Structure formats: structure tokens, C-alpha cells
PDB file of all heavy atoms in Angstrom:
ATOM      1  N   GLY A   1     110.478 143.590  83.302  1.00  0.00           N
ATOM      2  CA  GLY A   1     111.121 143.145  82.069  1.00  0.00           C
ATOM      3  C   GLY A   1     112.325 144.015  81.743  1.00  0.00           C
ATOM      4  O   GLY A   1     113.064 144.421  82.636  1.00  0.00           O
ATOM      5  N   ALA A   2     112.494 144.344  80.472  1.00  0.00           N
ATOM      6  CA  ALA A   2     113.650 145.115  80.036  1.00  0.00           C
ATOM      7  C   ALA A   2     113.352 145.855  78.730  1.00  0.00           C
ATOM      8  O   ALA A   2     112.477 145.455  77.974  1.00  0.00           O
ATOM      9  CB  ALA A   2     114.872 144.241  79.888  1.00  0.00           C
ATOM     10  N   TYR A   3     114.103 146.940  78.519  1.00  0.00           N
ATOM     11  CA  TYR A   3     113.981 147.769  77.314  1.00  0.00           C
ATOM     12  C   TYR A   3     115.314 147.786  76.590  1.00  0.00           C
ATOM     13  O   TYR A   3     116.384 147.864  77.208  1.00  0.00           O
ATOM     14  CB  TYR A   3     113.568 149.176  77.709  1.00  0.00           C
ATOM     15  CG  TYR A   3     113.740 150.218  76.619  1.00  0.00           C
ATOM     16  CD1 TYR A   3     112.708 150.542  75.780  1.00  0.00           C
ATOM     17  CD2 TYR A   3     114.973 150.889  76.438  1.00  0.00           C
ATOM     18  CE1 TYR A   3     112.849 151.495  74.771  1.00  0.00           C
ATOM     19  CE2 TYR A   3     115.129 151.842  75.450  1.00  0.00           C
ATOM     20  CZ  TYR A   3     114.060 152.138  74.619  1.00  0.00           C
ATOM     21  OH  TYR A   3     114.230 153.068  73.627  1.00  0.00           O
ATOM     22  N   CYS A   4     115.268 147.739  75.257  1.00  0.00           N
ATOM     23  CA  CYS A   4     116.483 147.854  74.465  1.00  0.00           C
ATOM     24  C   CYS A   4     116.174 148.537  73.160  1.00  0.00           C
ATOM     25  O   CYS A   4     115.227 148.180  72.477  1.00  0.00           O
ATOM     26  CB  CYS A   4     117.096 146.481  74.210  1.00  0.00           C
ATOM     27  SG  CYS A   4     118.729 146.542  73.425  1.00  0.00           S
ATOM     28  N   ARG A   5     116.981 149.557  72.805  1.00  0.00           N
ATOM     29  CA  ARG A   5     116.850 150.242  71.528  1.00  0.00           C
ATOM     30  C   ARG A   5     117.736 149.561  70.487  1.00  0.00           C
ATOM     31  O   ARG A   5     118.815 149.059  70.817  1.00  0.00           O
ATOM     32  CB  ARG A   5     117.275 151.699  71.662  1.00  0.00           C
ATOM     33  CG  ARG A   5     117.091 152.512  70.393  1.00  0.00           C
ATOM     34  CD  ARG A   5     117.879 153.823  70.467  1.00  0.00           C
ATOM     35  NE  ARG A   5     117.459 154.631  71.591  1.00  0.00           N
ATOM     36  CZ  ARG A   5     116.354 155.389  71.601  1.00  0.00           C
ATOM     37  NH1 ARG A   5     115.569 155.402  70.548  1.00  0.00           N
ATOM     38  NH2 ARG A   5     116.053 156.130  72.643  1.00  0.00           N
ATOM     39  N   PHE A   6     117.281 149.550  69.254  1.00  0.00           N
ATOM     40  CA  PHE A   6     118.119 148.991  68.191  1.00  0.00           C
ATOM     41  C   PHE A   6     117.875 149.736  66.895  1.00  0.00           C
ATOM     42  O   PHE A   6     116.879 150.425  66.712  1.00  0.00           O
ATOM     43  CB  PHE A   6     117.836 147.495  67.996  1.00  0.00           C
ATOM     44  CG  PHE A   6     116.535 147.181  67.308  1.00  0.00           C
ATOM     45  CD1 PHE A   6     116.472 146.930  65.950  1.00  0.00           C
ATOM     46  CD2 PHE A   6     115.348 147.138  68.047  1.00  0.00           C
ATOM     47  CE1 PHE A   6     115.263 146.665  65.315  1.00  0.00           C
ATOM     48  CE2 PHE A   6     114.141 146.843  67.425  1.00  0.00           C
ATOM     49  CZ  PHE A   6     114.090 146.611  66.060  1.00  0.00           C
ATOM     50  N   ASP A   7     118.826 149.603  65.980  1.00  0.00           N
ATOM     51  CA  ASP A   7     118.672 150.087  64.619  1.00  0.00           C
ATOM     52  C   ASP A   7     119.460 149.156  63.719  1.00  0.00           C
ATOM     53  O   ASP A   7     119.904 148.096  64.161  1.00  0.00           O
ATOM     54  CB  ASP A   7     119.124 151.555  64.469  1.00  0.00           C
ATOM     55  CG  ASP A   7     120.590 151.768  64.837  1.00  0.00           C
ATOM     56  OD1 ASP A   7     121.339 150.760  64.913  1.00  0.00           O
ATOM     57  OD2 ASP A   7     120.986 152.927  65.011  1.00  0.00           O
ATOM     58  N   ALA A   8     119.621 149.529  62.461  1.00  0.00           N
ATOM     59  CA  ALA A   8     120.305 148.638  61.511  1.00  0.00           C
ATOM     60  C   ALA A   8     121.712 148.300  61.959  1.00  0.00           C
ATOM     61  O   ALA A   8     122.227 147.216  61.707  1.00  0.00           O
ATOM     62  CB  ALA A   8     120.328 149.283  60.126  1.00  0.00           C
ATOM     63  N   GLY A   9     122.350 149.232  62.677  1.00  0.00           N
ATOM     64  CA  GLY A   9     123.718 149.016  63.113  1.00  0.00           C
ATOM     65  C   GLY A   9     123.850 148.035  64.259  1.00  0.00           C
ATOM     66  O   GLY A   9     124.949 147.563  64.548  1.00  0.00           O
ATOM     67  N   SER A  10     122.754 147.746  64.939  1.00  0.00           N
ATOM     68  CA  SER A  10     122.813 146.825  66.077  1.00  0.00           C
ATOM     69  C   SER A  10     122.007 145.554  65.824  1.00  0.00           C
ATOM     70  O   SER A  10     121.572 144.883  66.756  1.00  0.00           O
ATOM     71  CB  SER A  10     122.311 147.522  67.352  1.00  0.00           C
ATOM     72  OG  SER A  10     121.016 148.056  67.164  1.00  0.00           O
ATOM     73  N   ALA A  11     121.827 145.218  64.563  1.00  0.00           N
ATOM     74  CA  ALA A  11     121.038 144.051  64.199  1.00  0.00           C
ATOM     75  C   ALA A  11     121.594 142.759  64.780  1.00  0.00           C
ATOM     76  O   ALA A  11     120.854 141.891  65.223  1.00  0.00           O
ATOM     77  CB  ALA A  11     120.907 143.946  62.689  1.00  0.00           C
ATOM     78  N   GLN A  12     122.921 142.620  64.777  1.00  0.00           N
ATOM     79  CA  GLN A  12     123.528 141.406  65.304  1.00  0.00           C
ATOM     80  C   GLN A  12     123.255 141.249  66.787  1.00  0.00           C
ATOM     81  O   GLN A  12     122.920 140.146  67.265  1.00  0.00           O
ATOM     82  CB  GLN A  12     125.035 141.416  65.067  1.00  0.00           C
ATOM     83  CG  GLN A  12     125.774 140.192  65.593  1.00  0.00           C
ATOM     84  CD  GLN A  12     125.315 138.901  64.950  1.00  0.00           C
ATOM     85  OE1 GLN A  12     124.935 138.887  63.778  1.00  0.00           O
ATOM     86  NE2 GLN A  12     125.344 137.810  65.702  1.00  0.00           N
ATOM     87  N   HIS A  13     123.351 142.345  67.544  1.00  0.00           N
ATOM     88  CA  HIS A  13     123.054 142.282  68.962  1.00  0.00           C
ATOM     89  C   HIS A  13     121.587 141.926  69.184  1.00  0.00           C
ATOM     90  O   HIS A  13     121.263 141.134  70.081  1.00  0.00           O
ATOM     91  CB  HIS A  13     123.365 143.630  69.642  1.00  0.00           C
ATOM     92  CG  HIS A  13     124.825 143.954  69.649  1.00  0.00           C
ATOM     93  ND1 HIS A  13     125.783 143.057  70.060  1.00  0.00           N
ATOM     94  CD2 HIS A  13     125.481 145.087  69.337  1.00  0.00           C
ATOM     95  CE1 HIS A  13     126.969 143.615  69.986  1.00  0.00           C
ATOM     96  NE2 HIS A  13     126.830 144.844  69.540  1.00  0.00           N
ATOM     97  N   LEU A  14     120.706 142.490  68.380  1.00  0.00           N
ATOM     98  CA  LEU A  14     119.286 142.191  68.524  1.00  0.00           C
ATOM     99  C   LEU A  14     119.040 140.719  68.267  1.00  0.00           C
ATOM    100  O   LEU A  14     118.285 140.064  69.016  1.00  0.00           O
ATOM    101  CB  LEU A  14     118.461 143.042  67.558  1.00  0.00           C
ATOM    102  CG  LEU A  14     116.962 142.733  67.526  1.00  0.00           C
ATOM    103  CD1 LEU A  14     116.319 143.016  68.869  1.00  0.00           C
ATOM    104  CD2 LEU A  14     116.277 143.529  66.412  1.00  0.00           C
ATOM    105  N   ARG A  15     119.646 140.189  67.231  1.00  0.00           N
ATOM    106  CA  ARG A  15     119.467 138.771  66.893  1.00  0.00           C
ATOM    107  C   ARG A  15     119.856 137.892  68.087  1.00  0.00           C
ATOM    108  O   ARG A  15     119.136 136.975  68.456  1.00  0.00           O
ATOM    109  CB  ARG A  15     120.322 138.425  65.678  1.00  0.00           C
ATOM    110  CG  ARG A  15     120.242 136.965  65.279  1.00  0.00           C
ATOM    111  CD  ARG A  15     121.196 136.638  64.144  1.00  0.00           C
ATOM    112  NE  ARG A  15     120.847 137.356  62.930  1.00  0.00           N
ATOM    113  CZ  ARG A  15     121.555 138.362  62.422  1.00  0.00           C
ATOM    114  NH1 ARG A  15     122.662 138.788  63.029  1.00  0.00           N
ATOM    115  NH2 ARG A  15     121.180 138.970  61.313  1.00  0.00           N
ATOM    116  N   GLU A  16     121.000 138.183  68.676  1.00  0.00           N
ATOM    117  CA  GLU A  16     121.476 137.358  69.788  1.00  0.00           C
ATOM    118  C   GLU A  16     120.636 137.563  71.041  1.00  0.00           C
ATOM    119  O   GLU A  16     120.401 136.610  71.799  1.00  0.00           O
ATOM    120  CB  GLU A  16     122.948 137.661  70.045  1.00  0.00           C
ATOM    121  CG  GLU A  16     123.864 137.239  68.911  1.00  0.00           C
ATOM    122  CD  GLU A  16     125.323 137.478  69.217  1.00  0.00           C
ATOM    123  OE1 GLU A  16     125.635 137.989  70.318  1.00  0.00           O
ATOM    124  OE2 GLU A  16     126.166 137.133  68.373  1.00  0.00           O
ATOM    125  N   LEU A  17     120.199 138.790  71.281  1.00  0.00           N
ATOM    126  CA  LEU A  17     119.352 139.058  72.452  1.00  0.00           C
ATOM    127  C   LEU A  17     118.027 138.333  72.341  1.00  0.00           C
ATOM    128  O   LEU A  17     117.545 137.736  73.304  1.00  0.00           O
ATOM    129  CB  LEU A  17     119.131 140.562  72.598  1.00  0.00           C
ATOM    130  CG  LEU A  17     120.321 141.367  73.139  1.00  0.00           C
ATOM    131  CD1 LEU A  17     120.118 142.853  72.863  1.00  0.00           C
ATOM    132  CD2 LEU A  17     120.501 141.114  74.609  1.00  0.00           C
ATOM    133  N   LEU A  18     117.409 138.397  71.158  1.00  0.00           N
ATOM    134  CA  LEU A  18     116.147 137.702  70.954  1.00  0.00           C
ATOM    135  C   LEU A  18     116.308 136.199  71.185  1.00  0.00           C
ATOM    136  O   LEU A  18     115.504 135.556  71.864  1.00  0.00           O
ATOM    137  CB  LEU A  18     115.631 137.954  69.531  1.00  0.00           C
ATOM    138  CG  LEU A  18     115.063 139.338  69.225  1.00  0.00           C
ATOM    139  CD1 LEU A  18     114.772 139.454  67.732  1.00  0.00           C
ATOM    140  CD2 LEU A  18     113.809 139.605  70.032  1.00  0.00           C
ATOM    141  N   ALA A  19     117.352 135.645  70.621  1.00  0.00           N
ATOM    142  CA  ALA A  19     117.578 134.209  70.761  1.00  0.00           C
ATOM    143  C   ALA A  19     117.865 133.847  72.199  1.00  0.00           C
ATOM    144  O   ALA A  19     117.374 132.827  72.706  1.00  0.00           O
ATOM    145  CB  ALA A  19     118.725 133.771  69.856  1.00  0.00           C
ATOM    146  N   ALA A  20     118.671 134.661  72.900  1.00  0.00           N
ATOM    147  CA  ALA A  20     119.028 134.360  74.279  1.00  0.00           C
ATOM    148  C   ALA A  20     117.801 134.371  75.191  1.00  0.00           C
ATOM    149  O   ALA A  20     117.633 133.468  76.019  1.00  0.00           O
ATOM    150  CB  ALA A  20     120.067 135.346  74.783  1.00  0.00           C
ATOM    151  N   VAL A  21     116.941 135.367  75.037  1.00  0.00           N
ATOM    152  CA  VAL A  21     115.725 135.430  75.846  1.00  0.00           C
ATOM    153  C   VAL A  21     114.843 134.222  75.576  1.00  0.00           C
ATOM    154  O   VAL A  21     114.313 133.583  76.492  1.00  0.00           O
ATOM    155  CB  VAL A  21     114.953 136.732  75.586  1.00  0.00           C
ATOM    156  CG1 VAL A  21     113.590 136.692  76.274  1.00  0.00           C
ATOM    157  CG2 VAL A  21     115.749 137.933  76.101  1.00  0.00           C
ATOM    158  N   ALA A  22     114.672 133.890  74.313  1.00  0.00           N
ATOM    159  CA  ALA A  22     113.816 132.767  73.939  1.00  0.00           C
ATOM    160  C   ALA A  22     114.384 131.436  74.412  1.00  0.00           C
ATOM    161  O   ALA A  22     113.653 130.573  74.911  1.00  0.00           O
ATOM    162  CB  ALA A  22     113.608 132.746  72.438  1.00  0.00           C
ATOM    163  N   VAL A  23     115.689 131.246  74.262  1.00  0.00           N
ATOM    164  CA  VAL A  23     116.313 129.989  74.686  1.00  0.00           C
ATOM    165  C   VAL A  23     116.196 129.817  76.194  1.00  0.00           C
ATOM    166  O   VAL A  23     115.887 128.729  76.689  1.00  0.00           O
ATOM    167  CB  VAL A  23     117.799 129.968  74.248  1.00  0.00           C
ATOM    168  CG1 VAL A  23     118.548 128.827  74.947  1.00  0.00           C
ATOM    169  CG2 VAL A  23     117.890 129.795  72.737  1.00  0.00           C
ATOM    170  N   TYR A  24     116.405 130.886  76.939  1.00  0.00           N
ATOM    171  CA  TYR A  24     116.297 130.793  78.388  1.00  0.00           C
ATOM    172  C   TYR A  24     114.847 130.531  78.814  1.00  0.00           C
ATOM    173  O   TYR A  24     114.592 129.734  79.724  1.00  0.00           O
ATOM    174  CB  TYR A  24     116.809 132.083  79.031  1.00  0.00           C
ATOM    175  CG  TYR A  24     116.868 132.033  80.545  1.00  0.00           C
ATOM    176  CD1 TYR A  24     117.412 130.938  81.190  1.00  0.00           C
ATOM    177  CD2 TYR A  24     116.371 133.087  81.307  1.00  0.00           C
ATOM    178  CE1 TYR A  24     117.475 130.876  82.570  1.00  0.00           C
ATOM    179  CE2 TYR A  24     116.431 133.034  82.689  1.00  0.00           C
ATOM    180  CZ  TYR A  24     116.987 131.938  83.315  1.00  0.00           C
ATOM    181  OH  TYR A  24     117.029 131.898  84.681  1.00  0.00           O
ATOM    182  N   ALA A  25     113.909 131.179  78.148  1.00  0.00           N
ATOM    183  CA  ALA A  25     112.501 130.951  78.470  1.00  0.00           C
ATOM    184  C   ALA A  25     112.115 129.504  78.207  1.00  0.00           C
ATOM    185  O   ALA A  25     111.302 128.922  78.924  1.00  0.00           O
ATOM    186  CB  ALA A  25     111.602 131.892  77.640  1.00  0.00           C
ATOM    187  N   ALA A  26     112.713 128.906  77.194  1.00  0.00           N
ATOM    188  CA  ALA A  26     112.362 127.535  76.825  1.00  0.00           C
ATOM    189  C   ALA A  26     113.047 126.494  77.694  1.00  0.00           C
ATOM    190  O   ALA A  26     112.433 125.527  78.131  1.00  0.00           O
ATOM    191  CB  ALA A  26     112.727 127.284  75.353  1.00  0.00           C
ATOM    192  N   GLY A  27     114.337 126.671  77.961  1.00  0.00           N
ATOM    193  CA  GLY A  27     115.083 125.595  78.610  1.00  0.00           C
ATOM    194  C   GLY A  27     115.835 125.948  79.858  1.00  0.00           C
ATOM    195  O   GLY A  27     116.551 125.110  80.392  1.00  0.00           O
ATOM    196  N   GLY A  28     115.727 127.190  80.319  1.00  0.00           N
ATOM    197  CA  GLY A  28     116.421 127.573  81.538  1.00  0.00           C
ATOM    198  C   GLY A  28     117.925 127.696  81.344  1.00  0.00           C
ATOM    199  O   GLY A  28     118.444 127.787  80.236  1.00  0.00           O
ATOM    200  N   ARG A  29     118.663 127.660  82.453  1.00  0.00           N
ATOM    201  CA  ARG A  29     120.089 127.926  82.423  1.00  0.00           C
ATOM    202  C   ARG A  29     120.881 126.905  81.606  1.00  0.00           C
ATOM    203  O   ARG A  29     121.791 127.259  80.853  1.00  0.00           O
ATOM    204  CB  ARG A  29     120.631 127.944  83.863  1.00  0.00           C
ATOM    205  CG  ARG A  29     122.098 128.356  83.953  1.00  0.00           C
ATOM    206  CD  ARG A  29     122.596 128.309  85.387  1.00  0.00           C
ATOM    207  NE  ARG A  29     123.978 128.725  85.460  1.00  0.00           N
ATOM    208  CZ  ARG A  29     124.387 129.957  85.646  1.00  0.00           C
ATOM    209  NH1 ARG A  29     123.486 130.911  85.757  1.00  0.00           N
ATOM    210  NH2 ARG A  29     125.667 130.256  85.688  1.00  0.00           N
ATOM    211  N   ALA A  30     120.504 125.621  81.716  1.00  0.00           N
ATOM    212  CA  ALA A  30     121.247 124.591  80.981  1.00  0.00           C
ATOM    213  C   ALA A  30     121.197 124.844  79.483  1.00  0.00           C
ATOM    214  O   ALA A  30     122.198 124.700  78.781  1.00  0.00           O
ATOM    215  CB  ALA A  30     120.681 123.220  81.325  1.00  0.00           C
ATOM    216  N   ALA A  31     120.018 125.183  78.983  1.00  0.00           N
ATOM    217  CA  ALA A  31     119.881 125.453  77.556  1.00  0.00           C
ATOM    218  C   ALA A  31     120.667 126.684  77.150  1.00  0.00           C
ATOM    219  O   ALA A  31     121.255 126.735  76.069  1.00  0.00           O
ATOM    220  CB  ALA A  31     118.407 125.652  77.196  1.00  0.00           C
ATOM    221  N   LEU A  32     120.713 127.682  78.025  1.00  0.00           N
ATOM    222  CA  LEU A  32     121.442 128.907  77.714  1.00  0.00           C
ATOM    223  C   LEU A  32     122.950 128.655  77.694  1.00  0.00           C
ATOM    224  O   LEU A  32     123.661 129.197  76.859  1.00  0.00           O
ATOM    225  CB  LEU A  32     121.090 129.993  78.741  1.00  0.00           C
ATOM    226  CG  LEU A  32     121.489 131.410  78.384  1.00  0.00           C
ATOM    227  CD1 LEU A  32     120.843 131.850  77.080  1.00  0.00           C
ATOM    228  CD2 LEU A  32     121.097 132.369  79.513  1.00  0.00           C
ATOM    229  N   VAL A  33     123.434 127.813  78.617  1.00  0.00           N
ATOM    230  CA  VAL A  33     124.846 127.439  78.611  1.00  0.00           C
ATOM    231  C   VAL A  33     125.210 126.760  77.303  1.00  0.00           C
ATOM    232  O   VAL A  33     126.238 127.084  76.689  1.00  0.00           O
ATOM    233  CB  VAL A  33     125.156 126.508  79.804  1.00  0.00           C
ATOM    234  CG1 VAL A  33     126.551 125.899  79.658  1.00  0.00           C
ATOM    235  CG2 VAL A  33     125.067 127.262  81.126  1.00  0.00           C
ATOM    236  N   ASP A  34     124.384 125.841  76.872  1.00  0.00           N
ATOM    237  CA  ASP A  34     124.628 125.125  75.634  1.00  0.00           C
ATOM    238  C   ASP A  34     124.620 126.071  74.444  1.00  0.00           C
ATOM    239  O   ASP A  34     125.458 125.976  73.533  1.00  0.00           O
ATOM    240  CB  ASP A  34     123.597 124.029  75.450  1.00  0.00           C
ATOM    241  CG  ASP A  34     123.865 123.166  74.223  1.00  0.00           C
ATOM    242  OD1 ASP A  34     124.953 122.549  74.163  1.00  0.00           O
ATOM    243  OD2 ASP A  34     123.004 123.101  73.331  1.00  0.00           O
ATOM    244  N   TYR A  35     123.671 127.015  74.446  1.00  0.00           N
ATOM    245  CA  TYR A  35     123.575 127.993  73.374  1.00  0.00           C
ATOM    246  C   TYR A  35     124.826 128.847  73.324  1.00  0.00           C
ATOM    247  O   TYR A  35     125.370 129.163  72.257  1.00  0.00           O
ATOM    248  CB  TYR A  35     122.338 128.852  73.578  1.00  0.00           C
ATOM    249  CG  TYR A  35     122.180 129.970  72.579  1.00  0.00           C
ATOM    250  CD1 TYR A  35     121.968 129.713  71.230  1.00  0.00           C
ATOM    251  CD2 TYR A  35     122.223 131.309  72.992  1.00  0.00           C
ATOM    252  CE1 TYR A  35     121.813 130.730  70.324  1.00  0.00           C
ATOM    253  CE2 TYR A  35     122.074 132.337  72.094  1.00  0.00           C
ATOM    254  CZ  TYR A  35     121.871 132.044  70.763  1.00  0.00           C
ATOM    255  OH  TYR A  35     121.725 133.066  69.855  1.00  0.00           O
ATOM    256  N   GLY A  36     125.332 129.239  74.505  1.00  0.00           N
ATOM    257  CA  GLY A  36     126.547 130.037  74.564  1.00  0.00           C
ATOM    258  C   GLY A  36     127.751 129.311  74.007  1.00  0.00           C
ATOM    259  O   GLY A  36     128.600 129.881  73.339  1.00  0.00           O
ATOM    260  N   ARG A  37     127.826 128.014  74.256  1.00  0.00           N
ATOM    261  CA  ARG A  37     128.949 127.208  73.732  1.00  0.00           C
ATOM    262  C   ARG A  37     128.919 127.137  72.225  1.00  0.00           C
ATOM    263  O   ARG A  37     129.948 126.968  71.575  1.00  0.00           O
ATOM    264  CB  ARG A  37     128.869 125.793  74.303  1.00  0.00           C
ATOM    265  CG  ARG A  37     129.221 125.709  75.783  1.00  0.00           C
ATOM    266  CD  ARG A  37     128.900 124.329  76.314  1.00  0.00           C
ATOM    267  NE  ARG A  37     129.223 124.222  77.742  1.00  0.00           N
ATOM    268  CZ  ARG A  37     128.744 123.269  78.529  1.00  0.00           C
ATOM    269  NH1 ARG A  37     127.941 122.313  78.008  1.00  0.00           N
ATOM    270  NH2 ARG A  37     129.073 123.233  79.792  1.00  0.00           N
ATOM    271  N   LYS A  38     127.729 127.251  71.646  1.00  0.00           N
ATOM    272  CA  LYS A  38     127.593 127.186  70.186  1.00  0.00           C
ATOM    273  C   LYS A  38     127.825 128.519  69.512  1.00  0.00           C
ATOM    274  O   LYS A  38     127.659 128.649  68.306  1.00  0.00           O
ATOM    275  CB  LYS A  38     126.207 126.655  69.831  1.00  0.00           C
ATOM    276  CG  LYS A  38     125.981 125.212  70.254  1.00  0.00           C
ATOM    277  CD  LYS A  38     124.564 124.764  69.925  1.00  0.00           C
ATOM    278  CE  LYS A  38     124.338 123.330  70.331  1.00  0.00           C
ATOM    279  NZ  LYS A  38     122.921 122.893  70.071  1.00  0.00           N
TER     280      LYS A  38
END
């Protein structure tokens, strides 16, 4: 898997990382491409 440190200053990155991992787990590359476009 992977490790990532975060704090209040990196909340935006955490939000996007969480969403990206979840979107890819749910729909694969096609879903991730669509998410990136949005």
C-alpha cells in the first residue's frame, strides 16, 4: 500500500487523495479519468 503524513496545512491534498483512491477502487481508470476532468 502507501503511507502519507498530513496535518491541517495539507487538508486539501488529503481530501483529494482520499477521493482518488476511493474512486479508483470503485471504478478503475475510466472513473479516475472522469474524476480528474471534474
